[in-house]
Amino acid sequence: MLLIIAILLLILIVTYKLYAHFFPAPLVDPNGKYVLISGCDTGFGNRLAKELDRQGYNVLAGVYSNASKEQLVGELSSKATVFKLDITKQQDIDDAFELINSKTNDLYALVNNAGVGKGGLIDWIPMQLYHDVMEVNFFGHVSMTKTFLPLLVRRSGNRVVNICSAAGYMAAPAVSAYCASKYALEAFSDCLRREMALWGLKVSIIEPGFMRTAIIEGHEDACSQLWHNLTIDKKELWGETFFNQHLKHMANITKFAQDPMVVVRALQHAVSSTKPKIRYRPGWQSALIFFPLSLMPAWLADIFIALINSTSDKPAGVLKRTQNIVKQAQSD
């Protein structure tokens, strides 16, 4: 009986997926619709701003640096508005609200895109790094959403699109701060969707894997700086050999980074479709590896992740501990 039910459910899911693929929901008319995007300096936000601008939306692009502002102004149409926005500063967010409220009292979409990807082993990174990552990847987006909700609930069908990550449902070594921030944003997004359903506000979550963006660039230098700042005792505990192996391993993983346009296309659908998905997992990593892995029993997922993250060298402290055990056994 259970097998029959499982087969029927599988048939229903496959049928629905095929129907959605061949008969997609119509797109909204972009004319007169305002879309606010944070983090448009580079990466997903920058490309999305250009794509939506070409489609005819009124793009409101927040950028972190003045240099990015000047460049993006020259790349977007006269309908677009580019402004300085640091989502960790409430004053910047309030100024953005005043600017946008002067243009429209009906914000069609908010795309919470700004983010940082600092990482490192838990024993290496200072507490301040956790605070810095959470400020951008979580608290900044919460503040943006709460500030702009009065404009977003003006019309049923308006939406919030949050760029999370596969790291928001599948935690991995060396990215604890990033994972924690994305898990938090996932939970916030689910709560927001369920709370605001009565208002007709749609909430979509984007969960990509490794993509070729500025977030993964410079990781080796950042990790080297972390190592440089460790105490002598901490360096001796882990060992230079292990650190070098860790750097090499991280470099190998980033080689599998995908084209970020697959994420931009998912974002475009979340913004433009009359029936956006709740969750998007663009790219083969998130959909075919990380998500299935997250459904496995924890012990099995641990084995798989251990295999992916295995290095030929153990930390110096582990080797020393083993040697001491051997010496103790020999003396006994």
Protein backbone atom coordinates (compact mmCIF):
# COMPACT_ATOMS: atom_id res chain seq x y z
CA MET A 1 0.00 0.00 0.00
CA LEU A 2 2.77 2.44 0.95
CA LEU A 3 4.61 1.58 -2.24
CA ILE A 4 1.52 2.36 -4.32
CA ILE A 5 1.08 5.71 -2.56
CA ALA A 6 4.76 6.56 -3.12
CA ILE A 7 4.48 5.70 -6.83
CA LEU A 8 1.32 7.81 -7.20
CA LEU A 9 3.01 10.76 -5.48
CA LEU A 10 6.01 10.41 -7.77
CA ILE A 11 3.76 10.36 -10.83
CA LEU A 12 1.94 13.47 -9.61
CA ILE A 13 5.21 15.32 -8.97
CA VAL A 14 6.67 14.41 -12.37
CA THR A 15 3.40 15.35 -14.10
CA TYR A 16 3.34 18.71 -12.35
CA LYS A 17 6.99 19.40 -13.20
CA LEU A 18 6.41 18.56 -16.87
CA TYR A 19 3.28 20.71 -17.02
CA ALA A 20 5.08 23.66 -15.37
CA HIS A 21 7.97 23.29 -17.82
CA PHE A 22 5.91 23.13 -21.01
CA PHE A 23 3.13 25.47 -19.88
CA PRO A 24 4.81 28.15 -17.74
CA ALA A 25 2.78 30.78 -15.95
CA PRO A 26 2.52 34.10 -17.83
CA LEU A 27 4.87 36.96 -16.99
CA VAL A 28 3.78 40.22 -15.42
CA ASP A 29 3.76 43.48 -17.35
CA PRO A 30 6.94 45.32 -16.26
CA ASN A 31 5.66 48.80 -17.14
CA GLY A 32 5.35 51.00 -14.07
CA LYS A 33 6.74 48.35 -11.73
CA TYR A 34 9.55 49.29 -9.37
CA VAL A 35 12.14 46.70 -8.31
CA LEU A 36 14.61 47.42 -5.51
CA ILE A 37 17.87 45.41 -5.56
CA SER A 38 20.64 45.61 -2.97
CA GLY A 39 24.28 44.78 -3.67
CA CYS A 40 24.39 45.81 -7.33
CA ASP A 41 28.13 46.54 -7.39
CA THR A 42 29.00 43.12 -8.85
CA GLY A 43 27.69 39.59 -9.25
CA PHE A 44 24.03 38.60 -9.26
CA GLY A 45 22.69 42.04 -8.31
CA ASN A 46 24.66 43.84 -11.01
CA ARG A 47 23.55 41.45 -13.75
CA LEU A 48 19.96 41.31 -12.54
CA ALA A 49 19.71 45.11 -12.54
CA LYS A 50 20.82 45.19 -16.20
CA GLU A 51 18.48 42.37 -17.25
CA LEU A 52 15.41 43.87 -15.54
CA ASP A 53 16.28 47.31 -16.88
CA ARG A 54 16.27 45.87 -20.42
CA GLN A 55 12.90 44.24 -19.74
CA GLY A 56 11.37 47.61 -18.88
CA TYR A 57 11.20 47.57 -15.08
CA ASN A 58 11.98 50.68 -13.06
CA VAL A 59 15.16 49.41 -11.43
CA LEU A 60 16.21 50.83 -8.06
CA ALA A 61 19.82 49.68 -7.67
CA GLY A 62 21.60 50.00 -4.33
CA VAL A 63 25.41 49.96 -4.50
CA TYR A 64 28.05 49.96 -1.78
CA SER A 65 30.72 52.14 -3.42
CA ASN A 66 30.62 55.44 -5.29
CA ALA A 67 32.79 53.99 -8.05
CA SER A 68 30.18 51.27 -8.67
CA LYS A 69 27.47 53.92 -8.71
CA GLU A 70 29.15 55.92 -11.46
CA GLN A 71 29.76 52.84 -13.58
CA LEU A 72 26.26 51.38 -13.21
CA VAL A 73 24.57 54.69 -13.98
CA GLY A 74 26.31 54.62 -17.35
CA GLU A 75 25.16 51.05 -18.01
CA LEU A 76 21.46 51.42 -17.16
CA SER A 77 18.70 53.37 -18.87
CA SER A 78 17.32 56.70 -17.71
CA LYS A 79 14.42 54.85 -16.02
CA ALA A 80 16.80 53.33 -13.47
CA THR A 81 17.87 54.91 -10.20
CA VAL A 82 21.27 54.07 -8.71
CA PHE A 83 22.06 55.10 -5.15
CA LYS A 84 24.51 54.44 -2.34
CA LEU A 85 23.30 51.75 0.06
CA ASP A 86 25.06 50.02 2.93
CA ILE A 87 22.44 47.65 4.36
CA THR A 88 24.32 47.45 7.69
CA LYS A 89 23.51 51.15 8.27
CA GLN A 90 19.91 51.95 9.16
CA GLN A 91 20.40 55.56 8.06
CA ASP A 92 21.28 54.39 4.54
CA ILE A 93 18.17 52.20 4.51
CA ASP A 94 15.99 55.06 5.77
CA ASP A 95 17.44 57.40 3.13
CA ALA A 96 16.71 54.78 0.46
CA PHE A 97 13.13 54.53 1.72
CA GLU A 98 12.64 58.28 1.46
CA LEU A 99 14.10 58.29 -2.06
CA ILE A 100 11.93 55.42 -3.28
CA ASN A 101 8.79 56.63 -1.50
CA SER A 102 9.16 59.91 -3.40
CA LYS A 103 8.97 57.93 -6.65
CA THR A 104 6.28 55.38 -5.78
CA ASN A 105 4.18 54.20 -2.86
CA ASP A 106 3.84 50.75 -4.45
CA LEU A 107 7.08 48.74 -4.48
CA TYR A 108 6.57 45.71 -6.71
CA ALA A 109 9.65 43.72 -5.65
CA LEU A 110 12.49 43.79 -3.13
CA VAL A 111 15.49 41.63 -4.03
CA ASN A 112 17.72 41.14 -0.97
CA ASN A 113 20.97 40.34 -2.72
CA ALA A 114 23.87 42.01 -0.88
CA GLY A 115 26.15 39.51 0.81
CA VAL A 116 29.63 38.58 2.01
CA GLY A 117 31.25 35.14 2.00
CA LYS A 118 33.99 35.25 4.61
CA GLY A 119 35.03 31.84 5.90
CA GLY A 120 37.58 29.80 7.78
CA LEU A 121 37.69 27.02 10.36
CA ILE A 122 35.81 27.79 13.56
CA ASP A 123 38.99 27.59 15.61
CA TRP A 124 40.65 30.19 13.35
CA ILE A 125 38.07 32.92 12.91
CA PRO A 126 37.47 35.68 15.49
CA MET A 127 34.03 36.42 16.90
CA GLN A 128 33.99 39.73 15.04
CA LEU A 129 33.86 37.87 11.74
CA TYR A 130 30.64 36.16 12.83
CA HIS A 131 29.16 39.53 13.71
CA ASP A 132 30.28 41.09 10.41
CA VAL A 133 28.83 38.29 8.29
CA MET A 134 25.52 38.24 10.18
CA GLU A 135 25.19 42.02 9.89
CA VAL A 136 25.27 41.85 6.09
CA ASN A 137 23.80 38.45 5.27
CA PHE A 138 21.00 38.47 7.83
CA PHE A 139 20.32 41.59 9.89
CA GLY A 140 20.74 43.90 6.89
CA HIS A 141 18.13 41.98 4.89
CA VAL A 142 15.75 41.83 7.85
CA SER A 143 16.03 45.58 8.26
CA MET A 144 15.52 46.18 4.52
CA THR A 145 12.43 43.98 4.49
CA LYS A 146 10.86 45.52 7.59
CA THR A 147 11.55 49.04 6.35
CA PHE A 148 10.01 48.50 2.90
CA LEU A 149 7.04 46.33 3.94
CA PRO A 150 4.64 49.32 3.95
CA LEU A 151 5.35 49.82 0.23
CA LEU A 152 5.37 46.10 -0.57
CA VAL A 153 1.89 45.36 0.88
CA ARG A 154 0.18 48.03 -1.23
CA ARG A 155 -0.81 45.44 -3.81
CA SER A 156 -1.37 41.67 -3.81
CA GLY A 157 1.24 39.94 -5.96
CA ASN A 158 4.15 42.12 -4.89
CA ARG A 159 7.12 40.12 -3.72
CA VAL A 160 10.35 39.69 -1.76
CA VAL A 161 13.17 37.64 -3.26
CA ASN A 162 15.93 36.57 -0.86
CA ILE A 163 19.23 35.24 -2.16
CA CYS A 164 20.17 32.50 0.25
CA SER A 165 22.42 29.56 -0.64
CA ALA A 166 22.76 25.80 -0.60
CA ALA A 167 24.75 26.67 2.55
CA GLY A 168 21.40 27.67 4.04
CA TYR A 169 20.23 24.07 4.23
CA MET A 170 23.50 22.08 4.05
CA ALA A 171 26.29 23.13 6.44
CA ALA A 172 29.89 22.36 5.52
CA PRO A 173 33.32 22.78 7.16
CA ALA A 174 35.19 26.11 6.96
CA VAL A 175 32.09 28.25 6.27
CA SER A 176 30.33 28.27 9.64
CA ALA A 177 29.69 32.03 9.73
CA TYR A 178 28.32 32.04 6.18
CA CYS A 179 26.16 28.95 6.79
CA ALA A 180 24.77 30.38 10.03
CA SER A 181 23.76 33.61 8.28
CA LYS A 182 22.10 31.75 5.40
CA TYR A 183 20.26 29.31 7.70
CA ALA A 184 18.94 32.36 9.55
CA LEU A 185 17.83 34.04 6.31
CA GLU A 186 16.08 30.84 5.19
CA ALA A 187 14.09 30.73 8.45
CA PHE A 188 13.25 34.43 8.21
CA SER A 189 12.07 33.98 4.62
CA ASP A 190 9.77 31.09 5.54
CA CYS A 191 8.31 33.05 8.45
CA LEU A 192 7.81 36.12 6.25
CA ARG A 193 6.05 34.10 3.54
CA ARG A 194 3.65 32.48 6.01
CA GLU A 195 2.95 35.66 7.96
CA MET A 196 2.34 37.84 4.89
CA ALA A 197 0.30 35.32 2.87
CA LEU A 198 -2.90 37.11 3.97
CA TRP A 199 -1.59 40.24 2.25
CA GLY A 200 -0.80 38.39 -0.97
CA LEU A 201 2.93 39.10 -0.62
CA LYS A 202 4.97 36.44 -2.38
CA VAL A 203 8.35 35.36 -0.99
CA SER A 204 10.93 33.41 -3.00
CA ILE A 205 14.22 31.93 -1.82
CA ILE A 206 17.18 31.40 -4.17
CA GLU A 207 19.59 28.61 -3.13
CA PRO A 208 22.58 28.38 -5.50
CA GLY A 209 25.77 26.39 -5.01
CA PHE A 210 29.27 27.66 -5.88
CA MET A 211 29.09 30.40 -8.53
CA ARG A 212 31.81 32.44 -10.22
CA THR A 213 31.21 35.70 -8.37
CA ALA A 214 33.25 38.12 -6.26
CA ILE A 215 32.20 36.21 -3.11
CA ILE A 216 34.53 33.28 -3.88
CA GLU A 217 37.30 35.44 -5.32
CA GLY A 218 40.06 36.34 -2.91
CA HIS A 219 39.18 33.48 -0.55
CA GLU A 220 42.79 32.26 -0.51
CA ASP A 221 44.12 35.69 0.50
CA ALA A 222 41.46 36.05 3.21
CA CYS A 223 42.26 32.61 4.60
CA SER A 224 45.99 33.40 4.57
CA GLN A 225 45.27 36.57 6.53
CA LEU A 226 43.32 34.58 9.10
CA TRP A 227 46.25 32.20 9.49
CA HIS A 228 48.68 35.10 9.81
CA ASN A 229 46.61 36.56 12.67
CA LEU A 230 46.53 33.33 14.69
CA THR A 231 48.60 33.00 17.84
CA ILE A 232 51.76 30.90 17.73
CA ASP A 233 50.11 28.26 19.93
CA LYS A 234 47.15 28.00 17.56
CA LYS A 235 49.43 27.67 14.52
CA GLU A 236 51.42 24.95 16.24
CA LEU A 237 48.19 23.14 17.10
CA TRP A 238 47.10 22.94 13.45
CA GLY A 239 50.45 23.05 11.68
CA GLU A 240 51.65 24.79 8.51
CA THR A 241 51.33 21.59 6.47
CA PHE A 242 47.64 21.21 7.30
CA PHE A 243 47.01 24.87 6.52
CA ASN A 244 48.61 24.56 3.08
CA GLN A 245 46.56 21.45 2.36
CA HIS A 246 43.41 23.32 3.40
CA LEU A 247 44.19 26.16 0.98
CA LYS A 248 44.81 23.70 -1.83
CA HIS A 249 41.55 21.89 -1.09
CA MET A 250 39.51 25.10 -1.12
CA ALA A 251 41.12 26.13 -4.42
CA ASN A 252 40.13 22.79 -5.95
CA ILE A 253 36.51 23.17 -4.83
CA THR A 254 36.15 26.64 -6.33
CA LYS A 255 37.22 25.24 -9.71
CA PHE A 256 33.72 23.74 -9.91
CA ALA A 257 32.05 27.16 -9.61
CA GLN A 258 29.27 27.64 -12.17
CA ASP A 259 28.18 30.46 -14.45
CA PRO A 260 26.25 32.98 -12.30
CA MET A 261 23.77 33.58 -15.13
CA VAL A 262 21.84 30.47 -14.03
CA VAL A 263 21.14 32.33 -10.79
CA VAL A 264 20.23 35.54 -12.61
CA ARG A 265 17.70 33.60 -14.71
CA ALA A 266 16.15 32.17 -11.54
CA LEU A 267 15.98 35.67 -10.08
CA GLN A 268 14.34 36.97 -13.24
CA HIS A 269 11.67 34.28 -12.99
CA ALA A 270 11.07 35.01 -9.31
CA VAL A 271 10.57 38.69 -10.14
CA SER A 272 8.68 38.35 -13.43
CA SER A 273 6.47 35.26 -13.15
CA THR A 274 2.86 35.57 -12.06
CA LYS A 275 3.47 32.34 -10.14
CA PRO A 276 7.02 32.46 -8.73
CA LYS A 277 8.40 29.41 -6.97
CA ILE A 278 8.93 29.34 -3.22
CA ARG A 279 12.43 27.91 -3.67
CA TYR A 280 14.83 27.95 -6.59
CA ARG A 281 17.92 25.73 -6.70
CA PRO A 282 19.74 26.94 -9.82
CA GLY A 283 22.67 24.89 -11.12
CA TRP A 284 23.54 21.22 -10.82
CA GLN A 285 25.33 21.50 -7.46
CA SER A 286 22.37 22.71 -5.42
CA ALA A 287 19.70 20.65 -7.16
CA LEU A 288 21.55 17.38 -7.76
CA ILE A 289 24.14 17.18 -4.96
CA PHE A 290 23.59 19.43 -1.97
CA PHE A 291 19.80 19.16 -1.67
CA PRO A 292 19.67 15.34 -1.93
CA LEU A 293 22.59 15.24 0.52
CA SER A 294 20.63 17.35 3.00
CA LEU A 295 17.83 14.76 2.97
CA MET A 296 20.14 11.91 3.97
CA PRO A 297 20.55 10.75 7.58
CA ALA A 298 23.09 13.03 9.29
CA TRP A 299 25.63 10.22 9.81
CA LEU A 300 25.56 9.36 6.11
CA ALA A 301 25.86 13.00 5.06
CA ASP A 302 28.81 13.36 7.48
CA ILE A 303 30.61 10.49 5.75
CA PHE A 304 30.05 12.01 2.31
CA ILE A 305 31.21 15.47 3.42
CA ALA A 306 34.24 13.97 5.15
CA LEU A 307 35.22 12.31 1.87
CA ILE A 308 34.86 15.58 -0.04
CA ASN A 309 36.88 17.51 2.55
CA SER A 310 39.50 14.87 3.27
CA THR A 311 43.16 15.94 3.09
CA SER A 312 46.29 13.85 3.08
CA ASP A 313 47.60 15.56 6.23
CA LYS A 314 46.08 15.71 9.69
CA PRO A 315 46.48 18.68 12.05
CA ALA A 316 49.81 18.74 13.88
CA GLY A 317 47.99 18.47 17.22
CA VAL A 318 46.23 15.27 16.12
CA LEU A 319 49.52 13.71 15.01
CA LYS A 320 51.18 14.69 18.28
CA ARG A 321 48.29 13.26 20.29
CA THR A 322 48.56 9.97 18.39
CA GLN A 323 52.32 9.84 18.99
CA ASN A 324 51.79 10.39 22.71
CA ILE A 325 49.25 7.56 22.84
CA VAL A 326 51.71 5.23 21.08
CA LYS A 327 54.53 6.21 23.45
CA GLN A 328 52.26 5.70 26.46
CA ALA A 329 51.25 2.25 25.17
CA GLN A 330 54.90 1.29 24.61
CA SER A 331 55.94 2.43 28.07
CA ASP A 332 53.13 0.40 29.63
